[in-house]
C-alpha atoms as a PDB file:
ATOM      1  CA  MET A   1     122.824 158.861 107.243  1.00  0.00           C
ATOM      2  CA  LYS A   2     120.323 159.606 104.765  1.00  0.00           C
ATOM      3  CA  LYS A   3     122.907 158.288 102.162  1.00  0.00           C
ATOM      4  CA  ILE A   4     123.091 154.987 104.136  1.00  0.00           C
ATOM      5  CA  ASN A   5     119.220 154.829 104.314  1.00  0.00           C
ATOM      6  CA  LEU A   6     118.817 155.320 100.735  1.00  0.00           C
ATOM      7  CA  TRP A   7     121.380 153.000  99.724  1.00  0.00           C
ATOM      8  CA  MET A   8     119.957 150.133 101.907  1.00  0.00           C
ATOM      9  CA  LEU A   9     116.352 151.187 100.631  1.00  0.00           C
ATOM     10  CA  ALA A  10     117.642 150.624  97.189  1.00  0.00           C
ATOM     11  CA  ALA A  11     119.375 147.418  98.228  1.00  0.00           C
ATOM     12  CA  ILE A  12     116.196 145.945  99.789  1.00  0.00           C
ATOM     13  CA  LEU A  13     114.179 146.868  96.427  1.00  0.00           C
ATOM     14  CA  PHE A  14     116.864 145.238  94.240  1.00  0.00           C
ATOM     15  CA  CYS A  15     116.624 142.109  96.538  1.00  0.00           C
ATOM     16  CA  GLY A  16     112.609 142.257  96.437  1.00  0.00           C
ATOM     17  CA  LEU A  17     112.715 142.462  92.416  1.00  0.00           C
ATOM     18  CA  THR A  18     115.274 139.734  92.394  1.00  0.00           C
ATOM     19  CA  ALA A  19     113.137 137.447  94.309  1.00  0.00           C
ATOM     20  CA  THR A  20     109.892 138.202  92.426  1.00  0.00           C
ATOM     21  CA  VAL A  21     111.745 137.528  89.107  1.00  0.00           C
ATOM     22  CA  LEU A  22     113.106 134.092  90.634  1.00  0.00           C
ATOM     23  CA  SER A  23     109.919 133.070  91.910  1.00  0.00           C
ATOM     24  CA  SER A  24     108.171 133.945  88.547  1.00  0.00           C
ATOM     25  CA  CYS A  25     110.573 131.596  86.575  1.00  0.00           C
ATOM     26  CA  SER A  26     110.184 128.950  89.190  1.00  0.00           C
ATOM     27  CA  LYS A  27     106.274 129.232  88.789  1.00  0.00           C
ATOM     28  CA  ASP A  28     106.566 128.843  84.968  1.00  0.00           C
ATOM     29  CA  ASP A  29     108.704 125.793  85.558  1.00  0.00           C
ATOM     30  CA  ASP A  30     106.086 124.001  87.791  1.00  0.00           C
ATOM     31  CA  ASN A  31     103.364 124.632  84.819  1.00  0.00           C
ATOM     32  CA  SER A  32     105.456 122.963  82.438  1.00  0.00           C
ATOM     33  CA  SER A  33     106.339 119.942  84.574  1.00  0.00           C
ATOM     34  CA  SER A  34     102.470 119.555  85.327  1.00  0.00           C
ATOM     35  CA  SER A  35     101.948 119.408  81.571  1.00  0.00           C
ATOM     36  CA  ASP A  36     104.456 116.879  81.250  1.00  0.00           C
ATOM     37  CA  THR A  37     102.685 114.392  83.860  1.00  0.00           C
ATOM     38  CA  ASN A  38      99.467 114.659  81.692  1.00  0.00           C
ATOM     39  CA  ALA A  39     101.850 113.326  78.737  1.00  0.00           C
ATOM     40  CA  ALA A  40     103.551 110.583  80.823  1.00  0.00           C
ATOM     41  CA  PHE A  41     102.308 108.063  78.285  1.00  0.00           C
ATOM     42  CA  THR A  42     105.109 106.154  76.082  1.00  0.00           C
ATOM     43  CA  LYS A  43     102.862 103.803  73.927  1.00  0.00           C
ATOM     44  CA  ILE A  44      99.421 103.633  72.661  1.00  0.00           C
ATOM     45  CA  LYS A  45      98.256  99.910  72.370  1.00  0.00           C
ATOM     46  CA  ILE A  46      95.551  99.380  69.944  1.00  0.00           C
ATOM     47  CA  VAL A  47      93.352  96.097  70.193  1.00  0.00           C
ATOM     48  CA  TYR A  48      91.172  95.644  66.906  1.00  0.00           C
ATOM     49  CA  THR A  49      88.610  92.994  67.111  1.00  0.00           C
ATOM     50  CA  ALA A  50      86.145  91.762  64.389  1.00  0.00           C
ATOM     51  CA  GLU A  51      83.228  89.202  64.797  1.00  0.00           C
ATOM     52  CA  THR A  52      80.981  87.498  62.452  1.00  0.00           C
ATOM     53  CA  THR A  53      78.616  84.495  62.384  1.00  0.00           C
ATOM     54  CA  GLN A  54      79.380  81.240  60.397  1.00  0.00           C
ATOM     55  CA  SER A  55      76.416  81.563  58.418  1.00  0.00           C
ATOM     56  CA  THR A  56      77.829  85.134  57.022  1.00  0.00           C
ATOM     57  CA  LEU A  57      81.070  83.620  56.439  1.00  0.00           C
ATOM     58  CA  ASP A  58      79.194  80.756  54.266  1.00  0.00           C
ATOM     59  CA  ALA A  59      77.581  83.380  52.071  1.00  0.00           C
ATOM     60  CA  PHE A  60      80.071  86.556  52.291  1.00  0.00           C
ATOM     61  CA  ASN A  61      83.740  87.411  52.133  1.00  0.00           C
ATOM     62  CA  VAL A  62      84.095  89.601  55.215  1.00  0.00           C
ATOM     63  CA  LYS A  63      86.939  92.008  55.348  1.00  0.00           C
ATOM     64  CA  ALA A  64      87.858  93.925  58.374  1.00  0.00           C
ATOM     65  CA  TYR A  65      89.952  97.330  57.517  1.00  0.00           C
ATOM     66  CA  ARG A  66      91.797  99.164  60.076  1.00  0.00           C
ATOM     67  CA  ALA A  67      93.708 102.477  59.879  1.00  0.00           C
ATOM     68  CA  ASN A  68      96.292 103.474  62.329  1.00  0.00           C
ATOM     69  CA  ASN A  69      98.281 106.603  62.681  1.00  0.00           C
ATOM     70  CA  ASP A  70     100.225 106.619  59.467  1.00  0.00           C
ATOM     71  CA  GLY A  71      96.975 106.642  57.568  1.00  0.00           C
ATOM     72  CA  VAL A  72      97.460 103.335  56.157  1.00  0.00           C
ATOM     73  CA  THR A  73      94.446 101.020  55.756  1.00  0.00           C
ATOM     74  CA  GLU A  74      95.073  97.134  55.890  1.00  0.00           C
ATOM     75  CA  PRO A  75      92.322  94.879  55.070  1.00  0.00           C
ATOM     76  CA  VAL A  76      92.164  91.707  56.668  1.00  0.00           C
ATOM     77  CA  THR A  77      89.852  88.695  55.469  1.00  0.00           C
ATOM     78  CA  LEU A  78      88.263  86.785  58.242  1.00  0.00           C
ATOM     79  CA  SER A  79      88.785  83.190  57.757  1.00  0.00           C
ATOM     80  CA  GLY A  80      87.028  82.342  61.166  1.00  0.00           C
ATOM     81  CA  THR A  81      84.384  84.022  63.229  1.00  0.00           C
ATOM     82  CA  SER A  82      86.691  86.160  65.356  1.00  0.00           C
ATOM     83  CA  TRP A  83      89.845  88.079  64.652  1.00  0.00           C
ATOM     84  CA  THR A  84      91.743  89.949  66.849  1.00  0.00           C
ATOM     85  CA  GLU A  85      95.055  92.048  66.287  1.00  0.00           C
ATOM     86  CA  THR A  86      96.863  94.316  68.885  1.00  0.00           C
ATOM     87  CA  ILE A  87      99.613  96.917  67.561  1.00  0.00           C
ATOM     88  CA  GLU A  88     101.473  99.377  69.729  1.00  0.00           C
ATOM     89  CA  ILE A  89     102.490 102.760  68.476  1.00  0.00           C
ATOM     90  CA  PRO A  90     105.078 105.202  69.958  1.00  0.00           C
ATOM     91  CA  ALA A  91     103.668 108.214  71.921  1.00  0.00           C
ATOM     92  CA  SER A  92     105.478 110.530  69.418  1.00  0.00           C
ATOM     93  CA  LYS A  93     102.801 109.476  66.838  1.00  0.00           C
ATOM     94  CA  ALA A  94     100.110 111.481  68.952  1.00  0.00           C
ATOM     95  CA  PRO A  95      97.955 113.114  68.185  1.00  0.00           C
ATOM     96  CA  CYS A  96      96.732 110.352  65.998  1.00  0.00           C
ATOM     97  CA  THR A  97      93.268 108.805  64.932  1.00  0.00           C
ATOM     98  CA  ILE A  98      92.402 105.043  65.174  1.00  0.00           C
ATOM     99  CA  GLU A  99      89.747 103.637  62.728  1.00  0.00           C
ATOM    100  CA  MET A 100      87.892 100.276  61.962  1.00  0.00           C
ATOM    101  CA  TYR A 101      85.243  99.162  59.720  1.00  0.00           C
ATOM    102  CA  MET A 102      84.184  96.223  57.833  1.00  0.00           C
ATOM    103  CA  VAL A 103      82.822  95.501  54.552  1.00  0.00           C
ATOM    104  CA  THR A 104      80.919  92.287  53.220  1.00  0.00           C
ATOM    105  CA  THR A 105      80.649  91.027  49.725  1.00  0.00           C
ATOM    106  CA  PRO A 106      78.745  88.206  48.532  1.00  0.00           C
ATOM    107  CA  LYS A 107      80.534  85.120  47.456  1.00  0.00           C
ATOM    108  CA  ASP A 108      78.016  84.714  44.657  1.00  0.00           C
ATOM    109  CA  ALA A 109      77.082  88.091  43.331  1.00  0.00           C
ATOM    110  CA  THR A 110      73.560  86.778  41.980  1.00  0.00           C
ATOM    111  CA  GLY A 111      72.847  84.492  44.940  1.00  0.00           C
ATOM    112  CA  THR A 112      70.034  84.814  47.457  1.00  0.00           C
ATOM    113  CA  SER A 113      69.632  83.826  50.999  1.00  0.00           C
ATOM    114  CA  SER A 114      68.452  80.763  52.262  1.00  0.00           C
ATOM    115  CA  LYS A 115      67.942  80.249  56.152  1.00  0.00           C
ATOM    116  CA  LEU A 116      70.645  82.970  56.429  1.00  0.00           C
ATOM    117  CA  SER A 117      71.586  84.471  59.792  1.00  0.00           C
ATOM    118  CA  PHE A 118      73.735  87.642  59.181  1.00  0.00           C
ATOM    119  CA  GLY A 119      75.800  89.343  61.545  1.00  0.00           C
ATOM    120  CA  VAL A 120      78.988  91.463  61.920  1.00  0.00           C
ATOM    121  CA  GLY A 121      80.471  93.385  64.854  1.00  0.00           C
ATOM    122  CA  LYS A 122      83.645  95.297  65.398  1.00  0.00           C
ATOM    123  CA  THR A 123      85.409  96.776  68.415  1.00  0.00           C
ATOM    124  CA  VAL A 124      88.602  99.201  68.960  1.00  0.00           C
ATOM    125  CA  GLN A 125      90.112  99.414  72.213  1.00  0.00           C
ATOM    126  CA  VAL A 126      92.702 102.147  72.615  1.00  0.00           C
ATOM    127  CA  ILE A 127      95.100 102.081  75.733  1.00  0.00           C
ATOM    128  CA  THR A 128      97.675 104.708  76.630  1.00  0.00           C
ATOM    129  CA  LEU A 129     100.658 103.211  78.508  1.00  0.00           C
ATOM    130  CA  ASP A 130     103.420 104.716  80.805  1.00  0.00           C
ATOM    131  CA  ALA A 131     107.001 103.634  80.516  1.00  0.00           C
ATOM    132  CA  ASN A 132     106.461 100.840  82.845  1.00  0.00           C
ATOM    133  CA  GLY A 133     103.583  99.379  80.737  1.00  0.00           C
ATOM    134  CA  LYS A 134     100.811 100.581  83.147  1.00  0.00           C
ATOM    135  CA  GLU A 135      97.547 101.603  81.527  1.00  0.00           C
ATOM    136  CA  ILE A 136      96.925 105.259  81.847  1.00  0.00           C
ATOM    137  CA  ASN A 137      93.780 105.733  79.854  1.00  0.00           C
ATOM    138  CA  VAL A 138      91.479 102.986  78.066  1.00  0.00           C
ATOM    139  CA  LYS A 139      88.824 103.726  75.502  1.00  0.00           C
ATOM    140  CA  LYS A 140      86.547 100.880  74.092  1.00  0.00           C
ATOM    141  CA  ASP A 141      84.191 101.528  71.236  1.00  0.00           C
ATOM    142  CA  GLY A 142      82.463  99.669  68.451  1.00  0.00           C
ATOM    143  CA  THR A 143      79.197  97.752  67.677  1.00  0.00           C
ATOM    144  CA  VAL A 144      78.331  94.559  69.414  1.00  0.00           C
ATOM    145  CA  LEU A 145      77.949  91.560  67.039  1.00  0.00           C
ATOM    146  CA  HIS A 146      74.283  91.825  65.820  1.00  0.00           C
ATOM    147  CA  SER A 147      72.922  88.742  64.292  1.00  0.00           C
ATOM    148  CA  SER A 148      69.697  88.802  62.278  1.00  0.00           C
ATOM    149  CA  ASP A 149      67.744  86.133  60.109  1.00  0.00           C
ATOM    150  CA  ILE A 150      67.212  87.323  56.576  1.00  0.00           C
ATOM    151  CA  ILE A 151      64.071  86.446  54.960  1.00  0.00           C
ATOM    152  CA  ASP A 152      64.565  83.555  52.296  1.00  0.00           C
ATOM    153  CA  GLY A 153      65.180  84.731  48.755  1.00  0.00           C
ATOM    154  CA  THR A 154      66.712  88.078  49.697  1.00  0.00           C
ATOM    155  CA  SER A 155      69.464  89.129  47.231  1.00  0.00           C
ATOM    156  CA  LEU A 156      72.971  88.556  48.948  1.00  0.00           C
ATOM    157  CA  ALA A 157      74.234  91.558  47.034  1.00  0.00           C
ATOM    158  CA  GLU A 158      71.281  93.769  48.503  1.00  0.00           C
ATOM    159  CA  ILE A 159      72.130  92.430  52.161  1.00  0.00           C
ATOM    160  CA  ALA A 160      75.758  93.441  51.788  1.00  0.00           C
ATOM    161  CA  LYS A 161      74.926  96.675  50.313  1.00  0.00           C
ATOM    162  CA  ASN A 162      72.650  97.478  53.309  1.00  0.00           C
ATOM    163  CA  SER A 163      75.204  96.054  55.551  1.00  0.00           C
ATOM    164  CA  ASN A 164      78.172  98.099  54.435  1.00  0.00           C
ATOM    165  CA  ASN A 165      75.875 101.400  54.319  1.00  0.00           C
ATOM    166  CA  GLY A 166      74.863 100.843  57.597  1.00  0.00           C
ATOM    167  CA  GLU A 167      77.863  99.879  59.207  1.00  0.00           C
ATOM    168  CA  SER A 168      79.297 102.745  61.299  1.00  0.00           C
ATOM    169  CA  ARG A 169      82.967 103.482  61.523  1.00  0.00           C
ATOM    170  CA  VAL A 170      84.617 103.239  64.918  1.00  0.00           C
ATOM    171  CA  ILE A 171      86.901 106.397  65.038  1.00  0.00           C
ATOM    172  CA  ILE A 172      88.680 107.258  68.263  1.00  0.00           C
ATOM    173  CA  THR A 173      91.198 109.918  68.502  1.00  0.00           C
ATOM    174  CA  ILE A 174      94.210 110.554  70.866  1.00  0.00           C
ATOM    175  CA  ASP A 175      95.528 114.045  71.436  1.00  0.00           C
ATOM    176  CA  LYS A 176      99.131 114.955  72.404  1.00  0.00           C
ATOM    177  CA  ASN A 177      98.484 114.566  76.182  1.00  0.00           C
ATOM    178  CA  GLY A 178      97.362 110.913  75.774  1.00  0.00           C
ATOM    179  CA  ASN A 179      93.419 111.992  76.232  1.00  0.00           C
ATOM    180  CA  ILE A 180      91.125 109.381  74.327  1.00  0.00           C
ATOM    181  CA  ASN A 181      88.240 111.030  72.686  1.00  0.00           C
ATOM    182  CA  LYS A 182      85.580 109.743  70.198  1.00  0.00           C
END
């Protein structure tokens, strides 16, 4: 009888250990699937917007620069007061950094201002999308178009220098889980 009881006790202990091991594996699987839901985005949509005033375009060449995940900076010369570009990149490119900035150069390097209203603004909107195109996470950042009158006789080169030095770059990062940070 003692042999049967010992054998049964060993069988019960073995089953208990097997259940513990199986439930541990199952628990690990649950953790990995929950992290997959955080990374359910399939695309990153970026909307770049640059704005300026007509007065600024009359006196300056205004270029908008954008940098995408590939580190490529592509300048676009503004021909109108507003420019918008939308690009999409696959989620496999994350983590990535999105950046935009603007540079003004005077059309006449020796020119001076005369009744000039100067203004530039830029915005980057970053959206992560799921497989159905539904927005998961949205981040919008930038500087609003700020227009200011410049005193007559001010050097256009000085205005451009102050503008470019004072312009902050819009930089947004997206981590591998699709979280958008500034």
